[in-house]
């Protein structure tokens, strides 16, 4: 991959664990990894909306 990537993980997500997202970010050139604390897979869309929005704005700003 040659394009920048934003990889977002939720701290308590058991379906898509943060460890796997960190691993992907570690091998993807120019990847940015963001972990949203105190959020799991099921409640991510609601509880992490602010964190995801901030991560997106920061990513697009660079």
PDB file of N, CA and C in Angstrom:
ATOM      1  N   UNK A   1       0.835  -1.171   0.000  1.00  0.00           N
ATOM      2  CA  UNK A   1       0.000   0.000   0.000  1.00  0.00           C
ATOM      3  C   UNK A   1       0.884   1.239   0.000  1.00  0.00           C
ATOM      4  N   UNK A   2       0.505   2.202  -0.770  1.00  0.00           N
ATOM      5  CA  UNK A   2       1.314   3.409  -0.860  1.00  0.00           C
ATOM      6  C   UNK A   2       0.536   4.668  -0.473  1.00  0.00           C
ATOM      7  N   UNK A   3      -0.653   4.501   0.044  1.00  0.00           N
ATOM      8  CA  UNK A   3      -1.446   5.656   0.469  1.00  0.00           C
ATOM      9  C   UNK A   3      -1.475   5.715   1.990  1.00  0.00           C
ATOM     10  N   UNK A   4      -1.602   6.910   2.569  1.00  0.00           N
ATOM     11  CA  UNK A   4      -1.725   7.014   4.022  1.00  0.00           C
ATOM     12  C   UNK A   4      -2.994   6.311   4.496  1.00  0.00           C
ATOM     13  N   UNK A   5      -2.940   5.772   5.702  1.00  0.00           N
ATOM     14  CA  UNK A   5      -4.092   5.064   6.254  1.00  0.00           C
ATOM     15  C   UNK A   5      -4.322   5.481   7.698  1.00  0.00           C
ATOM     16  N   UNK A   6      -5.586   5.533   8.080  1.00  0.00           N
ATOM     17  CA  UNK A   6      -5.961   5.745   9.470  1.00  0.00           C
ATOM     18  C   UNK A   6      -6.554   4.445   9.968  1.00  0.00           C
ATOM     19  N   UNK A   7      -5.941   3.881  10.989  1.00  0.00           N
ATOM     20  CA  UNK A   7      -6.423   2.627  11.571  1.00  0.00           C
ATOM     21  C   UNK A   7      -6.900   2.932  12.978  1.00  0.00           C
ATOM     22  N   UNK A   8      -8.193   2.736  13.209  1.00  0.00           N
ATOM     23  CA  UNK A   8      -8.817   3.047  14.493  1.00  0.00           C
ATOM     24  C   UNK A   8      -9.247   1.749  15.160  1.00  0.00           C
ATOM     25  N   UNK A   9      -8.931   1.627  16.444  1.00  0.00           N
ATOM     26  CA  UNK A   9      -9.340   0.450  17.211  1.00  0.00           C
ATOM     27  C   UNK A   9     -10.019   0.905  18.496  1.00  0.00           C
ATOM     28  N   UNK A  10     -10.890   0.047  19.021  1.00  0.00           N
ATOM     29  CA  UNK A  10     -11.535   0.301  20.306  1.00  0.00           C
ATOM     30  C   UNK A  10     -10.852  -0.547  21.370  1.00  0.00           C
ATOM     31  N   UNK A  11     -10.583   0.044  22.500  1.00  0.00           N
ATOM     32  CA  UNK A  11      -9.807  -0.606  23.557  1.00  0.00           C
ATOM     33  C   UNK A  11     -10.347  -1.987  23.947  1.00  0.00           C
ATOM     34  N   UNK A  12     -11.651  -2.151  24.053  1.00  0.00           N
ATOM     35  CA  UNK A  12     -12.229  -3.410  24.541  1.00  0.00           C
ATOM     36  C   UNK A  12     -12.937  -4.217  23.449  1.00  0.00           C
ATOM     37  N   UNK A  13     -12.537  -4.043  22.212  1.00  0.00           N
ATOM     38  CA  UNK A  13     -13.158  -4.744  21.093  1.00  0.00           C
ATOM     39  C   UNK A  13     -12.571  -6.152  20.987  1.00  0.00           C
ATOM     40  N   UNK A  14     -13.399  -7.168  21.224  1.00  0.00           N
ATOM     41  CA  UNK A  14     -12.905  -8.547  21.138  1.00  0.00           C
ATOM     42  C   UNK A  14     -13.031  -9.105  19.722  1.00  0.00           C
ATOM     43  N   UNK A  15     -13.890  -8.517  18.889  1.00  0.00           N
ATOM     44  CA  UNK A  15     -14.035  -8.992  17.513  1.00  0.00           C
ATOM     45  C   UNK A  15     -12.887  -8.508  16.634  1.00  0.00           C
ATOM     46  N   UNK A  16     -12.458  -7.277  16.850  1.00  0.00           N
ATOM     47  CA  UNK A  16     -11.332  -6.697  16.124  1.00  0.00           C
ATOM     48  C   UNK A  16     -10.375  -6.102  17.149  1.00  0.00           C
ATOM     49  N   UNK A  17      -9.576  -6.947  17.807  1.00  0.00           N
ATOM     50  CA  UNK A  17      -8.746  -6.508  18.928  1.00  0.00           C
ATOM     51  C   UNK A  17      -7.722  -5.440  18.532  1.00  0.00           C
ATOM     52  N   UNK A  18      -7.475  -4.504  19.450  1.00  0.00           N
ATOM     53  CA  UNK A  18      -6.484  -3.460  19.181  1.00  0.00           C
ATOM     54  C   UNK A  18      -5.108  -4.015  18.820  1.00  0.00           C
ATOM     55  N   UNK A  19      -4.746  -5.158  19.375  1.00  0.00           N
ATOM     56  CA  UNK A  19      -3.435  -5.732  19.063  1.00  0.00           C
ATOM     57  C   UNK A  19      -3.305  -6.028  17.573  1.00  0.00           C
ATOM     58  N   UNK A  20      -4.371  -6.465  16.945  1.00  0.00           N
ATOM     59  CA  UNK A  20      -4.334  -6.763  15.501  1.00  0.00           C
ATOM     60  C   UNK A  20      -4.284  -5.472  14.686  1.00  0.00           C
ATOM     61  N   UNK A  21      -5.000  -4.448  15.155  1.00  0.00           N
ATOM     62  CA  UNK A  21      -4.971  -3.161  14.463  1.00  0.00           C
ATOM     63  C   UNK A  21      -3.587  -2.529  14.568  1.00  0.00           C
ATOM     64  N   UNK A  22      -2.959  -2.617  15.753  1.00  0.00           N
ATOM     65  CA  UNK A  22      -1.594  -2.104  15.923  1.00  0.00           C
ATOM     66  C   UNK A  22      -0.640  -2.852  15.008  1.00  0.00           C
ATOM     67  N   UNK A  23      -0.835  -4.155  14.885  1.00  0.00           N
ATOM     68  CA  UNK A  23       0.012  -4.963  14.008  1.00  0.00           C
ATOM     69  C   UNK A  23      -0.126  -4.494  12.553  1.00  0.00           C
ATOM     70  N   UNK A  24      -1.355  -4.268  12.116  1.00  0.00           N
ATOM     71  CA  UNK A  24      -1.581  -3.791  10.751  1.00  0.00           C
ATOM     72  C   UNK A  24      -0.935  -2.424  10.541  1.00  0.00           C
ATOM     73  N   UNK A  25      -1.088  -1.539  11.518  1.00  0.00           N
ATOM     74  CA  UNK A  25      -0.495  -0.207  11.406  1.00  0.00           C
ATOM     75  C   UNK A  25       1.028  -0.280  11.371  1.00  0.00           C
ATOM     76  N   UNK A  26       1.587  -1.278  12.042  1.00  0.00           N
ATOM     77  CA  UNK A  26       3.034  -1.427  12.080  1.00  0.00           C
ATOM     78  C   UNK A  26       3.647  -1.862  10.760  1.00  0.00           C
ATOM     79  N   UNK A  27       2.861  -2.525   9.930  1.00  0.00           N
ATOM     80  CA  UNK A  27       3.402  -2.991   8.652  1.00  0.00           C
ATOM     81  C   UNK A  27       2.936  -2.146   7.461  1.00  0.00           C
ATOM     82  N   UNK A  28       2.016  -1.235   7.695  1.00  0.00           N
ATOM     83  CA  UNK A  28       1.498  -0.386   6.630  1.00  0.00           C
ATOM     84  C   UNK A  28       2.309   0.904   6.611  1.00  0.00           C
ATOM     85  N   UNK A  29       3.021   1.165   5.531  1.00  0.00           N
ATOM     86  CA  UNK A  29       3.780   2.418   5.466  1.00  0.00           C
ATOM     87  C   UNK A  29       2.842   3.615   5.575  1.00  0.00           C
ATOM     88  N   UNK A  30       3.226   4.577   6.348  1.00  0.00           N
ATOM     89  CA  UNK A  30       2.479   5.823   6.534  1.00  0.00           C
ATOM     90  C   UNK A  30       1.097   5.606   7.156  1.00  0.00           C
ATOM     91  N   UNK A  31       0.983   4.636   8.058  1.00  0.00           N
ATOM     92  CA  UNK A  31      -0.279   4.414   8.767  1.00  0.00           C
ATOM     93  C   UNK A  31      -0.274   5.178  10.085  1.00  0.00           C
ATOM     94  N   UNK A  32      -1.435   5.663  10.447  1.00  0.00           N
ATOM     95  CA  UNK A  32      -1.648   6.310  11.738  1.00  0.00           C
ATOM     96  C   UNK A  32      -2.571   5.418  12.537  1.00  0.00           C
ATOM     97  N   UNK A  33      -2.165   5.062  13.744  1.00  0.00           N
ATOM     98  CA  UNK A  33      -2.962   4.196  14.611  1.00  0.00           C
ATOM     99  C   UNK A  33      -3.563   5.042  15.731  1.00  0.00           C
ATOM    100  N   UNK A  34      -4.864   4.887  15.946  1.00  0.00           N
ATOM    101  CA  UNK A  34      -5.560   5.569  17.039  1.00  0.00           C
ATOM    102  C   UNK A  34      -6.390   4.525  17.777  1.00  0.00           C
ATOM    103  N   UNK A  35      -6.234   4.497  19.089  1.00  0.00           N
ATOM    104  CA  UNK A  35      -7.040   3.598  19.918  1.00  0.00           C
ATOM    105  C   UNK A  35      -7.991   4.429  20.763  1.00  0.00           C
ATOM    106  N   UNK A  36      -9.269   4.125  20.663  1.00  0.00           N
ATOM    107  CA  UNK A  36     -10.291   4.840  21.422  1.00  0.00           C
ATOM    108  C   UNK A  36     -10.480   4.104  22.750  1.00  0.00           C
ATOM    109  N   UNK A  37     -10.182   4.772  23.875  1.00  0.00           N
ATOM    110  CA  UNK A  37     -10.265   4.100  25.175  1.00  0.00           C
ATOM    111  C   UNK A  37     -11.705   3.860  25.649  1.00  0.00           C
ATOM    112  N   UNK A  38     -11.852   2.842  26.476  1.00  0.00           N
ATOM    113  CA  UNK A  38     -13.099   2.526  27.198  1.00  0.00           C
ATOM    114  C   UNK A  38     -14.277   2.261  26.253  1.00  0.00           C
ATOM    115  N   UNK A  39     -14.020   1.717  25.087  1.00  0.00           N
ATOM    116  CA  UNK A  39     -15.070   1.428  24.114  1.00  0.00           C
ATOM    117  C   UNK A  39     -14.903  -0.001  23.620  1.00  0.00           C
ATOM    118  N   UNK A  40     -16.035  -0.667  23.378  1.00  0.00           N
ATOM    119  CA  UNK A  40     -16.026  -2.023  22.825  1.00  0.00           C
ATOM    120  C   UNK A  40     -16.665  -2.000  21.443  1.00  0.00           C
ATOM    121  N   UNK A  41     -16.710  -3.140  20.788  1.00  0.00           N
ATOM    122  CA  UNK A  41     -17.222  -3.225  19.421  1.00  0.00           C
ATOM    123  C   UNK A  41     -18.687  -2.796  19.330  1.00  0.00           C
ATOM    124  N   UNK A  42     -19.510  -3.300  20.220  1.00  0.00           N
ATOM    125  CA  UNK A  42     -20.947  -3.059  20.137  1.00  0.00           C
ATOM    126  C   UNK A  42     -21.370  -1.625  20.387  1.00  0.00           C
ATOM    127  N   UNK A  43     -20.656  -0.918  21.237  1.00  0.00           N
ATOM    128  CA  UNK A  43     -21.056   0.455  21.553  1.00  0.00           C
ATOM    129  C   UNK A  43     -20.170   1.492  20.877  1.00  0.00           C
ATOM    130  N   UNK A  44     -19.316   1.060  19.992  1.00  0.00           N
ATOM    131  CA  UNK A  44     -18.352   1.956  19.369  1.00  0.00           C
ATOM    132  C   UNK A  44     -18.949   3.112  18.602  1.00  0.00           C
ATOM    133  N   UNK A  45     -19.986   2.862  17.823  1.00  0.00           N
ATOM    134  CA  UNK A  45     -20.561   3.916  16.996  1.00  0.00           C
ATOM    135  C   UNK A  45     -21.136   5.051  17.834  1.00  0.00           C
ATOM    136  N   UNK A  46     -21.608   4.725  19.027  1.00  0.00           N
ATOM    137  CA  UNK A  46     -22.221   5.743  19.879  1.00  0.00           C
ATOM    138  C   UNK A  46     -21.213   6.353  20.846  1.00  0.00           C
ATOM    139  N   UNK A  47     -20.503   5.512  21.568  1.00  0.00           N
ATOM    140  CA  UNK A  47     -19.599   5.987  22.608  1.00  0.00           C
ATOM    141  C   UNK A  47     -18.298   6.567  22.073  1.00  0.00           C
ATOM    142  N   UNK A  48     -17.937   6.234  20.862  1.00  0.00           N
ATOM    143  CA  UNK A  48     -16.654   6.686  20.323  1.00  0.00           C
ATOM    144  C   UNK A  48     -16.803   7.728  19.223  1.00  0.00           C
ATOM    145  N   UNK A  49     -18.006   8.210  18.992  1.00  0.00           N
ATOM    146  CA  UNK A  49     -18.221   9.139  17.882  1.00  0.00           C
ATOM    147  C   UNK A  49     -17.297  10.352  17.965  1.00  0.00           C
ATOM    148  N   UNK A  50     -17.153  10.929  19.140  1.00  0.00           N
ATOM    149  CA  UNK A  50     -16.277  12.088  19.292  1.00  0.00           C
ATOM    150  C   UNK A  50     -14.829  11.747  19.036  1.00  0.00           C
ATOM    151  N   UNK A  51     -14.378  10.614  19.557  1.00  0.00           N
ATOM    152  CA  UNK A  51     -12.992  10.186  19.360  1.00  0.00           C
ATOM    153  C   UNK A  51     -12.693   9.853  17.912  1.00  0.00           C
ATOM    154  N   UNK A  52     -13.639   9.214  17.263  1.00  0.00           N
ATOM    155  CA  UNK A  52     -13.461   8.882  15.849  1.00  0.00           C
ATOM    156  C   UNK A  52     -13.450  10.161  15.017  1.00  0.00           C
ATOM    157  N   UNK A  53     -14.348  11.065  15.312  1.00  0.00           N
ATOM    158  CA  UNK A  53     -14.384  12.337  14.592  1.00  0.00           C
ATOM    159  C   UNK A  53     -13.082  13.107  14.730  1.00  0.00           C
ATOM    160  N   UNK A  54     -12.548  13.166  15.951  1.00  0.00           N
ATOM    161  CA  UNK A  54     -11.276  13.856  16.181  1.00  0.00           C
ATOM    162  C   UNK A  54     -10.149  13.174  15.416  1.00  0.00           C
ATOM    163  N   UNK A  55     -10.115  11.844  15.449  1.00  0.00           N
ATOM    164  CA  UNK A  55      -9.070  11.107  14.727  1.00  0.00           C
ATOM    165  C   UNK A  55      -9.141  11.399  13.229  1.00  0.00           C
ATOM    166  N   UNK A  56     -10.348  11.431  12.684  1.00  0.00           N
ATOM    167  CA  UNK A  56     -10.506  11.729  11.256  1.00  0.00           C
ATOM    168  C   UNK A  56     -10.066  13.149  10.921  1.00  0.00           C
ATOM    169  N   UNK A  57     -10.477  14.110  11.729  1.00  0.00           N
ATOM    170  CA  UNK A  57     -10.093  15.497  11.472  1.00  0.00           C
ATOM    171  C   UNK A  57      -8.577  15.677  11.550  1.00  0.00           C
ATOM    172  N   UNK A  58      -7.949  15.063  12.567  1.00  0.00           N
ATOM    173  CA  UNK A  58      -6.493  15.148  12.699  1.00  0.00           C
ATOM    174  C   UNK A  58      -5.796  14.493  11.502  1.00  0.00           C
ATOM    175  N   UNK A  59      -6.321  13.340  11.091  1.00  0.00           N
ATOM    176  CA  UNK A  59      -5.713  12.602   9.963  1.00  0.00           C
ATOM    177  C   UNK A  59      -5.808  13.424   8.677  1.00  0.00           C
ATOM    178  N   UNK A  60      -6.984  13.966   8.392  1.00  0.00           N
ATOM    179  CA  UNK A  60      -7.159  14.738   7.168  1.00  0.00           C
ATOM    180  C   UNK A  60      -6.404  16.051   7.208  1.00  0.00           C
ATOM    181  N   UNK A  61      -6.176  16.587   8.390  1.00  0.00           N
ATOM    182  CA  UNK A  61      -5.444  17.855   8.520  1.00  0.00           C
ATOM    183  C   UNK A  61      -3.969  17.706   8.135  1.00  0.00           C
ATOM    184  N   UNK A  62      -3.438  16.502   8.277  1.00  0.00           N
ATOM    185  CA  UNK A  62      -2.026  16.329   7.934  1.00  0.00           C
ATOM    186  C   UNK A  62      -1.924  15.975   6.498  1.00  0.00           C
TER     187      UNK A  62
END
